[in-house]
Amino acid sequence: MSLWLRWALTLAMGLAPCAILAAETWTGWVSWVMDGDTVLLVRNGQHEPIKLRVDGIDAPETCQPGGAEAREAMIRLALRKPVQVLDLGQDNYGRQLGRLSVDGVDLGAEMVRTGMAWAYRFRTGKGPYARLQRQAQTQKIGLFSAADAAMSPPVFRKFHGTCHGL
């Protein structure tokens, strides 16, 4: 991919231009959706799936209210579809981290826009899709449709632990 195209994709996905140097772009297909912000995907030319955490969003835990709906939304967007991946390396937990798009649609942005995930950035809390989250909250869609909006995953884990313990 040309440097110009990588720069344009990086800006379109809401990343700082300096991220171009560290980010690699590749293609693959989604073989499984674990939850609203984590997928297994197979890189073109490879056979083993990679577990990838979608950058910039935080979807409900699968066992919390809204979790099943968020997973279903990601399934509709990505399962068995070819994806473009802006690979951002690993997060602080050693998970592969990246931005996904299908036919030019940024899946992280789409999850937040439809109220299926929060905009999120580790340590800062405010992610690249904060404006989209405010719009979803104002429109009261998805997770933000109820009078008592869904509990964000970090707060849920603080009170209930992980889904693995339930």
C-alpha atoms as a PDB file:
ATOM      1  CA  MET A   1       0.000   0.000   0.000  1.00  0.00           C
ATOM      2  CA  SER A   2       1.360   3.413  -0.902  1.00  0.00           C
ATOM      3  CA  LEU A   3       2.383   5.805   1.851  1.00  0.00           C
ATOM      4  CA  TRP A   4      -0.203   8.325   0.600  1.00  0.00           C
ATOM      5  CA  LEU A   5      -3.018   5.760   0.776  1.00  0.00           C
ATOM      6  CA  ARG A   6      -1.897   4.635   4.242  1.00  0.00           C
ATOM      7  CA  TRP A   7      -1.853   8.289   5.382  1.00  0.00           C
ATOM      8  CA  ALA A   8      -5.382   8.870   3.995  1.00  0.00           C
ATOM      9  CA  LEU A   9      -6.691   5.675   5.641  1.00  0.00           C
ATOM     10  CA  THR A  10      -5.051   6.643   8.927  1.00  0.00           C
ATOM     11  CA  LEU A  11      -6.692  10.075   8.922  1.00  0.00           C
ATOM     12  CA  ALA A  12     -10.050   8.624   7.856  1.00  0.00           C
ATOM     13  CA  MET A  13      -9.930   6.238  10.810  1.00  0.00           C
ATOM     14  CA  GLY A  14      -9.233   9.068  13.255  1.00  0.00           C
ATOM     15  CA  LEU A  15      -5.612   8.283  14.008  1.00  0.00           C
ATOM     16  CA  ALA A  16      -2.803  10.799  14.311  1.00  0.00           C
ATOM     17  CA  PRO A  17      -0.636  10.988  11.182  1.00  0.00           C
ATOM     18  CA  CYS A  18       2.391   9.831  13.222  1.00  0.00           C
ATOM     19  CA  ALA A  19       0.611   6.472  13.620  1.00  0.00           C
ATOM     20  CA  ILE A  20       1.294   5.813   9.934  1.00  0.00           C
ATOM     21  CA  LEU A  21       4.865   4.832  10.631  1.00  0.00           C
ATOM     22  CA  ALA A  22       3.926   2.232  13.242  1.00  0.00           C
ATOM     23  CA  ALA A  23       0.765   0.886  11.626  1.00  0.00           C
ATOM     24  CA  GLU A  24       0.640  -1.879   9.064  1.00  0.00           C
ATOM     25  CA  THR A  25      -2.384  -2.384   6.830  1.00  0.00           C
ATOM     26  CA  TRP A  26      -3.411  -5.854   5.690  1.00  0.00           C
ATOM     27  CA  THR A  27      -6.485  -7.820   4.643  1.00  0.00           C
ATOM     28  CA  GLY A  28      -8.196 -10.931   5.910  1.00  0.00           C
ATOM     29  CA  TRP A  29     -11.619 -12.258   6.836  1.00  0.00           C
ATOM     30  CA  VAL A  30     -13.493 -12.582  10.124  1.00  0.00           C
ATOM     31  CA  SER A  31     -13.922 -16.214  11.144  1.00  0.00           C
ATOM     32  CA  TRP A  32     -15.622 -15.653  14.520  1.00  0.00           C
ATOM     33  CA  VAL A  33     -17.042 -12.817  16.607  1.00  0.00           C
ATOM     34  CA  MET A  34     -16.256 -13.228  20.277  1.00  0.00           C
ATOM     35  CA  ASP A  35     -18.114 -10.115  21.429  1.00  0.00           C
ATOM     36  CA  GLY A  36     -18.857  -6.590  20.274  1.00  0.00           C
ATOM     37  CA  ASP A  37     -15.229  -5.499  20.262  1.00  0.00           C
ATOM     38  CA  THR A  38     -13.200  -8.689  19.743  1.00  0.00           C
ATOM     39  CA  VAL A  39     -13.018 -10.897  16.650  1.00  0.00           C
ATOM     40  CA  LEU A  40     -11.005 -13.809  15.345  1.00  0.00           C
ATOM     41  CA  LEU A  41      -9.762 -13.164  11.865  1.00  0.00           C
ATOM     42  CA  VAL A  42      -7.602 -14.933   9.357  1.00  0.00           C
ATOM     43  CA  ARG A  43      -5.021 -12.885   7.546  1.00  0.00           C
ATOM     44  CA  ASN A  44      -4.908 -13.463   3.779  1.00  0.00           C
ATOM     45  CA  GLY A  45      -2.322 -16.146   3.034  1.00  0.00           C
ATOM     46  CA  GLN A  46      -2.440 -17.518   6.605  1.00  0.00           C
ATOM     47  CA  HIS A  47      -4.380 -20.386   8.160  1.00  0.00           C
ATOM     48  CA  GLU A  48      -4.408 -19.642  11.885  1.00  0.00           C
ATOM     49  CA  PRO A  49      -6.847 -17.032  13.221  1.00  0.00           C
ATOM     50  CA  ILE A  50      -5.671 -13.964  15.125  1.00  0.00           C
ATOM     51  CA  LYS A  51      -7.626 -12.598  18.089  1.00  0.00           C
ATOM     52  CA  LEU A  52      -8.039  -8.864  17.484  1.00  0.00           C
ATOM     53  CA  ARG A  53      -9.434  -6.218  19.817  1.00  0.00           C
ATOM     54  CA  VAL A  54     -11.095  -3.404  17.860  1.00  0.00           C
ATOM     55  CA  ASP A  55      -9.358  -0.139  18.708  1.00  0.00           C
ATOM     56  CA  GLY A  56     -11.315   2.867  19.887  1.00  0.00           C
ATOM     57  CA  ILE A  57     -14.408   1.102  21.249  1.00  0.00           C
ATOM     58  CA  ASP A  58     -15.577  -0.788  24.313  1.00  0.00           C
ATOM     59  CA  ALA A  59     -18.640  -2.998  23.906  1.00  0.00           C
ATOM     60  CA  PRO A  60     -20.606  -4.536  26.784  1.00  0.00           C
ATOM     61  CA  GLU A  61     -19.353  -7.767  28.295  1.00  0.00           C
ATOM     62  CA  THR A  62     -21.224 -10.740  26.836  1.00  0.00           C
ATOM     63  CA  CYS A  63     -22.899 -11.464  30.183  1.00  0.00           C
ATOM     64  CA  GLN A  64     -24.054  -7.908  30.841  1.00  0.00           C
ATOM     65  CA  PRO A  65     -27.179  -6.235  29.463  1.00  0.00           C
ATOM     66  CA  GLY A  66     -26.559  -5.237  25.851  1.00  0.00           C
ATOM     67  CA  GLY A  67     -23.702  -7.717  25.425  1.00  0.00           C
ATOM     68  CA  ALA A  68     -25.584 -10.177  23.248  1.00  0.00           C
ATOM     69  CA  GLU A  69     -26.961  -7.343  21.107  1.00  0.00           C
ATOM     70  CA  ALA A  70     -23.481  -5.848  20.634  1.00  0.00           C
ATOM     71  CA  ARG A  71     -22.093  -9.236  19.589  1.00  0.00           C
ATOM     72  CA  GLU A  72     -24.981  -9.704  17.128  1.00  0.00           C
ATOM     73  CA  ALA A  73     -24.305  -6.243  15.676  1.00  0.00           C
ATOM     74  CA  MET A  74     -20.637  -7.128  15.086  1.00  0.00           C
ATOM     75  CA  ILE A  75     -21.687 -10.460  13.558  1.00  0.00           C
ATOM     76  CA  ARG A  76     -23.903  -8.611  11.065  1.00  0.00           C
ATOM     77  CA  LEU A  77     -21.083  -6.188  10.242  1.00  0.00           C
ATOM     78  CA  ALA A  78     -18.141  -8.568   9.985  1.00  0.00           C
ATOM     79  CA  LEU A  79     -18.667 -12.322  10.212  1.00  0.00           C
ATOM     80  CA  ARG A  80     -17.265 -14.192   7.183  1.00  0.00           C
ATOM     81  CA  LYS A  81     -16.600 -10.886   5.431  1.00  0.00           C
ATOM     82  CA  PRO A  82     -13.331  -9.639   3.993  1.00  0.00           C
ATOM     83  CA  VAL A  83     -11.854  -6.895   6.160  1.00  0.00           C
ATOM     84  CA  GLN A  84      -9.096  -4.350   5.922  1.00  0.00           C
ATOM     85  CA  VAL A  85      -7.054  -4.119   9.114  1.00  0.00           C
ATOM     86  CA  LEU A  86      -5.019  -1.168  10.287  1.00  0.00           C
ATOM     87  CA  ASP A  87      -2.788  -3.147  12.649  1.00  0.00           C
ATOM     88  CA  LEU A  88      -1.825  -1.071  15.693  1.00  0.00           C
ATOM     89  CA  GLY A  89       0.316  -3.691  17.416  1.00  0.00           C
ATOM     90  CA  GLN A  90      -0.570  -4.940  20.865  1.00  0.00           C
ATOM     91  CA  ASP A  91      -2.364  -3.320  23.755  1.00  0.00           C
ATOM     92  CA  ASN A  92      -1.175  -3.332  27.376  1.00  0.00           C
ATOM     93  CA  TYR A  93      -2.717  -6.780  27.859  1.00  0.00           C
ATOM     94  CA  GLY A  94      -0.794  -8.296  24.948  1.00  0.00           C
ATOM     95  CA  ARG A  95      -3.849  -8.461  22.676  1.00  0.00           C
ATOM     96  CA  GLN A  96      -3.590  -7.608  18.994  1.00  0.00           C
ATOM     97  CA  LEU A  97      -5.163  -4.198  18.443  1.00  0.00           C
ATOM     98  CA  GLY A  98      -6.452  -2.692  15.220  1.00  0.00           C
ATOM     99  CA  ARG A  99      -9.060  -0.805  13.256  1.00  0.00           C
ATOM    100  CA  LEU A 100     -11.340  -2.861  11.007  1.00  0.00           C
ATOM    101  CA  SER A 101     -13.199  -1.794   7.917  1.00  0.00           C
ATOM    102  CA  VAL A 102     -15.468  -3.601   5.471  1.00  0.00           C
ATOM    103  CA  ASP A 103     -15.945  -1.991   2.063  1.00  0.00           C
ATOM    104  CA  GLY A 104     -14.594   1.288   3.451  1.00  0.00           C
ATOM    105  CA  VAL A 105     -16.888   1.294   6.518  1.00  0.00           C
ATOM    106  CA  ASP A 106     -15.024   1.692   9.816  1.00  0.00           C
ATOM    107  CA  LEU A 107     -16.592  -0.999  12.035  1.00  0.00           C
ATOM    108  CA  GLY A 108     -15.591   0.668  15.306  1.00  0.00           C
ATOM    109  CA  ALA A 109     -17.264   3.903  14.227  1.00  0.00           C
ATOM    110  CA  GLU A 110     -20.341   1.971  13.111  1.00  0.00           C
ATOM    111  CA  MET A 111     -20.628   0.164  16.465  1.00  0.00           C
ATOM    112  CA  VAL A 112     -20.498   3.476  18.351  1.00  0.00           C
ATOM    113  CA  ARG A 113     -22.761   5.302  15.857  1.00  0.00           C
ATOM    114  CA  THR A 114     -25.489   2.674  16.336  1.00  0.00           C
ATOM    115  CA  GLY A 115     -25.148   2.705  20.121  1.00  0.00           C
ATOM    116  CA  MET A 116     -23.657  -0.800  20.364  1.00  0.00           C
ATOM    117  CA  ALA A 117     -20.372   0.316  21.972  1.00  0.00           C
ATOM    118  CA  TRP A 118     -18.798   3.200  23.830  1.00  0.00           C
ATOM    119  CA  ALA A 119     -16.022   5.338  22.391  1.00  0.00           C
ATOM    120  CA  TYR A 120     -12.958   4.306  24.371  1.00  0.00           C
ATOM    121  CA  ARG A 121      -9.239   4.878  24.624  1.00  0.00           C
ATOM    122  CA  PHE A 122      -7.209   3.008  27.259  1.00  0.00           C
ATOM    123  CA  ARG A 123      -6.068   5.301  30.076  1.00  0.00           C
ATOM    124  CA  THR A 124      -7.687   8.441  28.624  1.00  0.00           C
ATOM    125  CA  GLY A 125     -11.219   7.076  28.433  1.00  0.00           C
ATOM    126  CA  LYS A 126     -12.116   9.372  25.535  1.00  0.00           C
ATOM    127  CA  GLY A 127     -11.784   7.587  22.234  1.00  0.00           C
ATOM    128  CA  PRO A 128     -11.703   8.638  18.604  1.00  0.00           C
ATOM    129  CA  TYR A 129     -15.451   8.154  18.298  1.00  0.00           C
ATOM    130  CA  ALA A 130     -16.537  10.403  21.189  1.00  0.00           C
ATOM    131  CA  ARG A 131     -18.625  12.615  18.880  1.00  0.00           C
ATOM    132  CA  LEU A 132     -20.465   9.548  17.546  1.00  0.00           C
ATOM    133  CA  GLN A 133     -21.154   8.394  21.102  1.00  0.00           C
ATOM    134  CA  ARG A 134     -22.619  11.779  22.037  1.00  0.00           C
ATOM    135  CA  GLN A 135     -24.904  11.554  18.986  1.00  0.00           C
ATOM    136  CA  ALA A 136     -26.064   8.037  19.928  1.00  0.00           C
ATOM    137  CA  GLN A 137     -26.739   9.209  23.487  1.00  0.00           C
ATOM    138  CA  THR A 138     -28.683  12.244  22.251  1.00  0.00           C
ATOM    139  CA  GLN A 139     -30.700  10.045  19.864  1.00  0.00           C
ATOM    140  CA  LYS A 140     -31.179   7.448  22.643  1.00  0.00           C
ATOM    141  CA  ILE A 141     -30.265   4.486  20.453  1.00  0.00           C
ATOM    142  CA  GLY A 142     -28.766   1.111  21.298  1.00  0.00           C
ATOM    143  CA  LEU A 143     -27.177   1.011  24.733  1.00  0.00           C
ATOM    144  CA  PHE A 144     -28.364   4.557  25.348  1.00  0.00           C
ATOM    145  CA  SER A 145     -32.066   3.919  24.647  1.00  0.00           C
ATOM    146  CA  ALA A 146     -33.142   3.196  28.227  1.00  0.00           C
ATOM    147  CA  ALA A 147     -33.694   5.907  30.813  1.00  0.00           C
ATOM    148  CA  ASP A 148     -30.989   4.245  32.911  1.00  0.00           C
ATOM    149  CA  ALA A 149     -28.346   3.819  30.209  1.00  0.00           C
ATOM    150  CA  ALA A 150     -26.271   0.656  30.207  1.00  0.00           C
ATOM    151  CA  MET A 151     -23.329   0.385  32.561  1.00  0.00           C
ATOM    152  CA  SER A 152     -19.964   0.745  30.843  1.00  0.00           C
ATOM    153  CA  PRO A 153     -17.822  -2.432  30.880  1.00  0.00           C
ATOM    154  CA  PRO A 154     -15.190  -1.103  33.337  1.00  0.00           C
ATOM    155  CA  VAL A 155     -17.920  -0.176  35.834  1.00  0.00           C
ATOM    156  CA  PHE A 156     -19.673  -3.516  35.263  1.00  0.00           C
ATOM    157  CA  ARG A 157     -16.425  -5.429  35.923  1.00  0.00           C
ATOM    158  CA  LYS A 158     -15.816  -3.403  39.082  1.00  0.00           C
ATOM    159  CA  PHE A 159     -19.175  -4.489  40.530  1.00  0.00           C
ATOM    160  CA  HIS A 160     -19.609  -7.944  38.981  1.00  0.00           C
ATOM    161  CA  GLY A 161     -16.178  -9.146  37.872  1.00  0.00           C
ATOM    162  CA  THR A 162     -15.622 -10.662  34.461  1.00  0.00           C
ATOM    163  CA  CYS A 163     -18.125 -12.844  32.652  1.00  0.00           C
ATOM    164  CA  HIS A 164     -15.766 -15.771  33.201  1.00  0.00           C
ATOM    165  CA  GLY A 165     -16.613 -15.709  36.904  1.00  0.00           C
ATOM    166  CA  LEU A 166     -20.391 -15.719  36.328  1.00  0.00           C
END
